[in-house]
């Protein structure tokens, strides 16, 4: 999966998406993704901390698909 494509598709649906690397955190939780708004709803949001950016984005995609909100449909 292409990170930019996923984030762009979510932005087209009104979502805000942040992918962050934090060097002050331990390696197993160094990366974070946060998505909110748009198709997630006004109060909807998703956040996860993972070891890699790919794992963060895969977790976000799984979350969206589990709620029938996949940006690739």
PDB file of N, CA and C in Angstrom:
ATOM      1  N   UNK A   1       0.832  -1.169   0.000  1.00  0.00           N
ATOM      2  CA  UNK A   1       0.000   0.000   0.000  1.00  0.00           C
ATOM      3  C   UNK A   1       0.882   1.240   0.000  1.00  0.00           C
ATOM      4  N   UNK A   2       0.484   2.218  -0.758  1.00  0.00           N
ATOM      5  CA  UNK A   2       1.203   3.476  -0.841  1.00  0.00           C
ATOM      6  C   UNK A   2       0.641   4.435   0.210  1.00  0.00           C
ATOM      7  N   UNK A   3       1.486   4.900   1.125  1.00  0.00           N
ATOM      8  CA  UNK A   3       1.055   5.761   2.226  1.00  0.00           C
ATOM      9  C   UNK A   3       0.437   7.057   1.724  1.00  0.00           C
ATOM     10  N   UNK A   4       1.056   7.672   0.750  1.00  0.00           N
ATOM     11  CA  UNK A   4       0.559   8.945   0.236  1.00  0.00           C
ATOM     12  C   UNK A   4      -0.811   8.746  -0.418  1.00  0.00           C
ATOM     13  N   UNK A   5      -0.974   7.668  -1.165  1.00  0.00           N
ATOM     14  CA  UNK A   5      -2.255   7.393  -1.807  1.00  0.00           C
ATOM     15  C   UNK A   5      -3.359   7.204  -0.761  1.00  0.00           C
ATOM     16  N   UNK A   6      -3.088   6.422   0.289  1.00  0.00           N
ATOM     17  CA  UNK A   6      -4.070   6.200   1.341  1.00  0.00           C
ATOM     18  C   UNK A   6      -4.436   7.523   2.010  1.00  0.00           C
ATOM     19  N   UNK A   7      -3.444   8.300   2.381  1.00  0.00           N
ATOM     20  CA  UNK A   7      -3.707   9.565   3.062  1.00  0.00           C
ATOM     21  C   UNK A   7      -4.455  10.532   2.143  1.00  0.00           C
ATOM     22  N   UNK A   8      -4.116  10.549   0.869  1.00  0.00           N
ATOM     23  CA  UNK A   8      -4.786  11.420  -0.086  1.00  0.00           C
ATOM     24  C   UNK A   8      -6.244  11.026  -0.258  1.00  0.00           C
ATOM     25  N   UNK A   9      -6.513   9.729  -0.357  1.00  0.00           N
ATOM     26  CA  UNK A   9      -7.903   9.268  -0.501  1.00  0.00           C
ATOM     27  C   UNK A   9      -8.726   9.616   0.734  1.00  0.00           C
ATOM     28  N   UNK A  10      -8.131   9.492   1.907  1.00  0.00           N
ATOM     29  CA  UNK A  10      -8.847   9.865   3.129  1.00  0.00           C
ATOM     30  C   UNK A  10      -9.097  11.375   3.166  1.00  0.00           C
ATOM     31  N   UNK A  11      -8.125  12.160   2.739  1.00  0.00           N
ATOM     32  CA  UNK A  11      -8.290  13.615   2.696  1.00  0.00           C
ATOM     33  C   UNK A  11      -9.415  13.996   1.730  1.00  0.00           C
ATOM     34  N   UNK A  12      -9.531  13.279   0.610  1.00  0.00           N
ATOM     35  CA  UNK A  12     -10.621  13.533  -0.340  1.00  0.00           C
ATOM     36  C   UNK A  12     -11.980  13.300   0.298  1.00  0.00           C
ATOM     37  N   UNK A  13     -12.018  12.465   1.327  1.00  0.00           N
ATOM     38  CA  UNK A  13     -13.270  12.177   2.041  1.00  0.00           C
ATOM     39  C   UNK A  13     -13.408  13.031   3.307  1.00  0.00           C
ATOM     40  N   UNK A  14     -12.582  14.060   3.418  1.00  0.00           N
ATOM     41  CA  UNK A  14     -12.707  15.004   4.518  1.00  0.00           C
ATOM     42  C   UNK A  14     -11.969  14.629   5.789  1.00  0.00           C
ATOM     43  N   UNK A  15     -11.176  13.562   5.751  1.00  0.00           N
ATOM     44  CA  UNK A  15     -10.429  13.147   6.944  1.00  0.00           C
ATOM     45  C   UNK A  15      -9.116  13.908   7.059  1.00  0.00           C
ATOM     46  N   UNK A  16      -8.697  14.104   8.287  1.00  0.00           N
ATOM     47  CA  UNK A  16      -7.355  14.600   8.565  1.00  0.00           C
ATOM     48  C   UNK A  16      -6.530  13.398   9.009  1.00  0.00           C
ATOM     49  N   UNK A  17      -5.325  13.263   8.464  1.00  0.00           N
ATOM     50  CA  UNK A  17      -4.480  12.110   8.778  1.00  0.00           C
ATOM     51  C   UNK A  17      -3.079  12.599   9.105  1.00  0.00           C
ATOM     52  N   UNK A  18      -2.541  12.101  10.229  1.00  0.00           N
ATOM     53  CA  UNK A  18      -1.186  12.438  10.650  1.00  0.00           C
ATOM     54  C   UNK A  18      -0.404  11.147  10.815  1.00  0.00           C
ATOM     55  N   UNK A  19       0.756  11.077  10.207  1.00  0.00           N
ATOM     56  CA  UNK A  19       1.689   9.965  10.397  1.00  0.00           C
ATOM     57  C   UNK A  19       2.943  10.581  11.010  1.00  0.00           C
ATOM     58  N   UNK A  20       3.297  10.112  12.201  1.00  0.00           N
ATOM     59  CA  UNK A  20       4.371  10.766  12.953  1.00  0.00           C
ATOM     60  C   UNK A  20       5.404   9.748  13.428  1.00  0.00           C
ATOM     61  N   UNK A  21       6.670  10.137  13.341  1.00  0.00           N
ATOM     62  CA  UNK A  21       7.766   9.379  13.938  1.00  0.00           C
ATOM     63  C   UNK A  21       8.277  10.194  15.120  1.00  0.00           C
ATOM     64  N   UNK A  22       8.418   9.543  16.269  1.00  0.00           N
ATOM     65  CA  UNK A  22       8.836  10.247  17.482  1.00  0.00           C
ATOM     66  C   UNK A  22      10.082   9.581  18.046  1.00  0.00           C
ATOM     67  N   UNK A  23      11.219  10.208  17.885  1.00  0.00           N
ATOM     68  CA  UNK A  23      12.496   9.666  18.330  1.00  0.00           C
ATOM     69  C   UNK A  23      12.656   9.556  19.828  1.00  0.00           C
ATOM     70  N   UNK A  24      11.759  10.179  20.584  1.00  0.00           N
ATOM     71  CA  UNK A  24      11.835  10.104  22.037  1.00  0.00           C
ATOM     72  C   UNK A  24      11.080   8.909  22.603  1.00  0.00           C
ATOM     73  N   UNK A  25      10.362   8.194  21.748  1.00  0.00           N
ATOM     74  CA  UNK A  25       9.594   7.042  22.200  1.00  0.00           C
ATOM     75  C   UNK A  25      10.375   5.767  21.943  1.00  0.00           C
ATOM     76  N   UNK A  26      10.036   4.679  22.654  1.00  0.00           N
ATOM     77  CA  UNK A  26      10.734   3.410  22.452  1.00  0.00           C
ATOM     78  C   UNK A  26      10.468   2.855  21.053  1.00  0.00           C
ATOM     79  N   UNK A  27      11.400   2.072  20.500  1.00  0.00           N
ATOM     80  CA  UNK A  27      11.259   1.563  19.130  1.00  0.00           C
ATOM     81  C   UNK A  27       9.927   0.851  18.838  1.00  0.00           C
ATOM     82  N   UNK A  28       9.369   0.137  19.786  1.00  0.00           N
ATOM     83  CA  UNK A  28       8.116  -0.582  19.542  1.00  0.00           C
ATOM     84  C   UNK A  28       6.894   0.306  19.412  1.00  0.00           C
ATOM     85  N   UNK A  29       7.048   1.590  19.740  1.00  0.00           N
ATOM     86  CA  UNK A  29       5.925   2.528  19.671  1.00  0.00           C
ATOM     87  C   UNK A  29       6.372   3.858  19.058  1.00  0.00           C
ATOM     88  N   UNK A  30       7.367   3.808  18.227  1.00  0.00           N
ATOM     89  CA  UNK A  30       7.959   5.027  17.665  1.00  0.00           C
ATOM     90  C   UNK A  30       7.047   5.729  16.658  1.00  0.00           C
ATOM     91  N   UNK A  31       6.235   4.975  15.927  1.00  0.00           N
ATOM     92  CA  UNK A  31       5.377   5.541  14.893  1.00  0.00           C
ATOM     93  C   UNK A  31       3.941   5.641  15.382  1.00  0.00           C
ATOM     94  N   UNK A  32       3.247   6.692  14.936  1.00  0.00           N
ATOM     95  CA  UNK A  32       1.857   6.902  15.303  1.00  0.00           C
ATOM     96  C   UNK A  32       1.086   7.385  14.082  1.00  0.00           C
ATOM     97  N   UNK A  33      -0.137   6.882  13.933  1.00  0.00           N
ATOM     98  CA  UNK A  33      -1.043   7.425  12.925  1.00  0.00           C
ATOM     99  C   UNK A  33      -2.316   7.845  13.647  1.00  0.00           C
ATOM    100  N   UNK A  34      -2.849   8.989  13.232  1.00  0.00           N
ATOM    101  CA  UNK A  34      -4.075   9.527  13.778  1.00  0.00           C
ATOM    102  C   UNK A  34      -4.938   9.982  12.612  1.00  0.00           C
ATOM    103  N   UNK A  35      -6.179   9.518  12.579  1.00  0.00           N
ATOM    104  CA  UNK A  35      -7.129   9.934  11.548  1.00  0.00           C
ATOM    105  C   UNK A  35      -8.401  10.384  12.244  1.00  0.00           C
ATOM    106  N   UNK A  36      -8.999  11.456  11.730  1.00  0.00           N
ATOM    107  CA  UNK A  36     -10.235  11.950  12.327  1.00  0.00           C
ATOM    108  C   UNK A  36     -11.062  12.686  11.289  1.00  0.00           C
ATOM    109  N   UNK A  37     -12.342  12.862  11.617  1.00  0.00           N
ATOM    110  CA  UNK A  37     -13.249  13.621  10.769  1.00  0.00           C
ATOM    111  C   UNK A  37     -13.676  12.868   9.526  1.00  0.00           C
ATOM    112  N   UNK A  38     -14.261  13.599   8.611  1.00  0.00           N
ATOM    113  CA  UNK A  38     -14.692  13.031   7.342  1.00  0.00           C
ATOM    114  C   UNK A  38     -15.587  11.819   7.506  1.00  0.00           C
ATOM    115  N   UNK A  39     -15.259  10.749   6.816  1.00  0.00           N
ATOM    116  CA  UNK A  39     -16.069   9.537   6.862  1.00  0.00           C
ATOM    117  C   UNK A  39     -16.048   8.875   8.231  1.00  0.00           C
ATOM    118  N   UNK A  40     -15.128   9.270   9.103  1.00  0.00           N
ATOM    119  CA  UNK A  40     -15.095   8.721  10.459  1.00  0.00           C
ATOM    120  C   UNK A  40     -16.135   9.388  11.355  1.00  0.00           C
ATOM    121  N   UNK A  41     -16.757  10.444  10.866  1.00  0.00           N
ATOM    122  CA  UNK A  41     -17.773  11.155  11.633  1.00  0.00           C
ATOM    123  C   UNK A  41     -17.175  12.279  12.450  1.00  0.00           C
ATOM    124  N   UNK A  42     -18.027  13.158  12.905  1.00  0.00           N
ATOM    125  CA  UNK A  42     -17.572  14.339  13.644  1.00  0.00           C
ATOM    126  C   UNK A  42     -16.797  13.970  14.896  1.00  0.00           C
ATOM    127  N   UNK A  43     -17.259  12.956  15.602  1.00  0.00           N
ATOM    128  CA  UNK A  43     -16.585  12.524  16.826  1.00  0.00           C
ATOM    129  C   UNK A  43     -15.695  11.309  16.605  1.00  0.00           C
ATOM    130  N   UNK A  44     -15.624  10.846  15.374  1.00  0.00           N
ATOM    131  CA  UNK A  44     -14.853   9.639  15.082  1.00  0.00           C
ATOM    132  C   UNK A  44     -13.384   9.917  14.902  1.00  0.00           C
ATOM    133  N   UNK A  45     -12.582   9.020  15.433  1.00  0.00           N
ATOM    134  CA  UNK A  45     -11.141   9.131  15.241  1.00  0.00           C
ATOM    135  C   UNK A  45     -10.517   7.756  15.434  1.00  0.00           C
ATOM    136  N   UNK A  46      -9.300   7.631  14.952  1.00  0.00           N
ATOM    137  CA  UNK A  46      -8.537   6.400  15.106  1.00  0.00           C
ATOM    138  C   UNK A  46      -7.102   6.790  15.367  1.00  0.00           C
ATOM    139  N   UNK A  47      -6.483   6.123  16.349  1.00  0.00           N
ATOM    140  CA  UNK A  47      -5.073   6.339  16.635  1.00  0.00           C
ATOM    141  C   UNK A  47      -4.447   5.005  17.012  1.00  0.00           C
ATOM    142  N   UNK A  48      -3.212   4.807  16.538  1.00  0.00           N
ATOM    143  CA  UNK A  48      -2.462   3.633  16.949  1.00  0.00           C
ATOM    144  C   UNK A  48      -0.981   3.974  16.950  1.00  0.00           C
ATOM    145  N   UNK A  49      -0.242   3.311  17.821  1.00  0.00           N
ATOM    146  CA  UNK A  49       1.219   3.442  17.906  1.00  0.00           C
ATOM    147  C   UNK A  49       1.804   2.084  17.555  1.00  0.00           C
ATOM    148  N   UNK A  50       2.727   2.056  16.613  1.00  0.00           N
ATOM    149  CA  UNK A  50       3.307   0.799  16.132  1.00  0.00           C
ATOM    150  C   UNK A  50       4.804   0.980  15.869  1.00  0.00           C
ATOM    151  N   UNK A  51       5.510  -0.152  15.661  1.00  0.00           N
ATOM    152  CA  UNK A  51       6.953  -0.079  15.401  1.00  0.00           C
ATOM    153  C   UNK A  51       7.333   0.506  14.034  1.00  0.00           C
ATOM    154  N   UNK A  52       6.435   0.390  13.042  1.00  0.00           N
ATOM    155  CA  UNK A  52       6.770   0.858  11.690  1.00  0.00           C
ATOM    156  C   UNK A  52       5.611   1.666  11.110  1.00  0.00           C
ATOM    157  N   UNK A  53       5.904   2.533  10.144  1.00  0.00           N
ATOM    158  CA  UNK A  53       4.819   3.285   9.505  1.00  0.00           C
ATOM    159  C   UNK A  53       3.869   2.360   8.746  1.00  0.00           C
ATOM    160  N   UNK A  54       4.407   1.305   8.144  1.00  0.00           N
ATOM    161  CA  UNK A  54       3.551   0.363   7.411  1.00  0.00           C
ATOM    162  C   UNK A  54       2.536  -0.293   8.341  1.00  0.00           C
ATOM    163  N   UNK A  55       2.965  -0.671   9.533  1.00  0.00           N
ATOM    164  CA  UNK A  55       2.053  -1.286  10.494  1.00  0.00           C
ATOM    165  C   UNK A  55       0.980  -0.300  10.933  1.00  0.00           C
ATOM    166  N   UNK A  56       1.344   0.957  11.107  1.00  0.00           N
ATOM    167  CA  UNK A  56       0.361   1.979  11.464  1.00  0.00           C
ATOM    168  C   UNK A  56      -0.700   2.112  10.385  1.00  0.00           C
ATOM    169  N   UNK A  57      -0.264   2.243   9.134  1.00  0.00           N
ATOM    170  CA  UNK A  57      -1.208   2.443   8.046  1.00  0.00           C
ATOM    171  C   UNK A  57      -2.041   1.199   7.785  1.00  0.00           C
ATOM    172  N   UNK A  58      -1.449   0.019   7.946  1.00  0.00           N
ATOM    173  CA  UNK A  58      -2.231  -1.214   7.800  1.00  0.00           C
ATOM    174  C   UNK A  58      -3.301  -1.312   8.877  1.00  0.00           C
ATOM    175  N   UNK A  59      -2.980  -0.913  10.105  1.00  0.00           N
ATOM    176  CA  UNK A  59      -3.957  -0.922  11.197  1.00  0.00           C
ATOM    177  C   UNK A  59      -5.090   0.059  10.905  1.00  0.00           C
ATOM    178  N   UNK A  60      -4.763   1.224  10.369  1.00  0.00           N
ATOM    179  CA  UNK A  60      -5.779   2.204   9.996  1.00  0.00           C
ATOM    180  C   UNK A  60      -6.676   1.636   8.909  1.00  0.00           C
ATOM    181  N   UNK A  61      -6.081   1.036   7.890  1.00  0.00           N
ATOM    182  CA  UNK A  61      -6.864   0.464   6.791  1.00  0.00           C
ATOM    183  C   UNK A  61      -7.776  -0.654   7.301  1.00  0.00           C
ATOM    184  N   UNK A  62      -7.273  -1.512   8.167  1.00  0.00           N
ATOM    185  CA  UNK A  62      -8.094  -2.576   8.753  1.00  0.00           C
ATOM    186  C   UNK A  62      -9.257  -1.988   9.556  1.00  0.00           C
ATOM    187  N   UNK A  63      -8.985  -0.934  10.313  1.00  0.00           N
ATOM    188  CA  UNK A  63     -10.029  -0.269  11.086  1.00  0.00           C
ATOM    189  C   UNK A  63     -11.131   0.254  10.164  1.00  0.00           C
ATOM    190  N   UNK A  64     -10.730   0.915   9.089  1.00  0.00           N
ATOM    191  CA  UNK A  64     -11.699   1.466   8.153  1.00  0.00           C
ATOM    192  C   UNK A  64     -12.490   0.371   7.449  1.00  0.00           C
ATOM    193  N   UNK A  65     -11.795  -0.669   6.996  1.00  0.00           N
ATOM    194  CA  UNK A  65     -12.479  -1.768   6.311  1.00  0.00           C
ATOM    195  C   UNK A  65     -13.453  -2.482   7.236  1.00  0.00           C
ATOM    196  N   UNK A  66     -13.109  -2.592   8.522  1.00  0.00           N
ATOM    197  CA  UNK A  66     -13.997  -3.222   9.487  1.00  0.00           C
ATOM    198  C   UNK A  66     -15.285  -2.447   9.711  1.00  0.00           C
ATOM    199  N   UNK A  67     -15.287  -1.186   9.322  1.00  0.00           N
ATOM    200  CA  UNK A  67     -16.479  -0.335   9.448  1.00  0.00           C
ATOM    201  C   UNK A  67     -17.048   0.039   8.089  1.00  0.00           C
ATOM    202  N   UNK A  68     -16.662  -0.714   7.070  1.00  0.00           N
ATOM    203  CA  UNK A  68     -17.106  -0.479   5.686  1.00  0.00           C
ATOM    204  C   UNK A  68     -16.821   0.951   5.223  1.00  0.00           C
ATOM    205  N   UNK A  69     -15.663   1.456   5.609  1.00  0.00           N
ATOM    206  CA  UNK A  69     -15.253   2.804   5.236  1.00  0.00           C
ATOM    207  C   UNK A  69     -13.976   2.806   4.403  1.00  0.00           C
ATOM    208  N   UNK A  70     -13.670   1.701   3.763  1.00  0.00           N
ATOM    209  CA  UNK A  70     -12.424   1.610   3.001  1.00  0.00           C
ATOM    210  C   UNK A  70     -12.337   2.729   1.965  1.00  0.00           C
ATOM    211  N   UNK A  71     -11.214   3.429   1.919  1.00  0.00           N
ATOM    212  CA  UNK A  71     -11.045   4.481   0.914  1.00  0.00           C
ATOM    213  C   UNK A  71     -10.778   3.935  -0.480  1.00  0.00           C
ATOM    214  N   UNK A  72     -10.668   2.634  -0.615  1.00  0.00           N
ATOM    215  CA  UNK A  72     -10.367   2.032  -1.911  1.00  0.00           C
ATOM    216  C   UNK A  72     -11.584   1.397  -2.565  1.00  0.00           C
ATOM    217  N   UNK A  73     -12.773   1.747  -2.087  1.00  0.00           N
ATOM    218  CA  UNK A  73     -14.013   1.205  -2.660  1.00  0.00           C
ATOM    219  C   UNK A  73     -14.621   2.229  -3.551  1.00  0.00           C
TER     220      UNK A  73
END
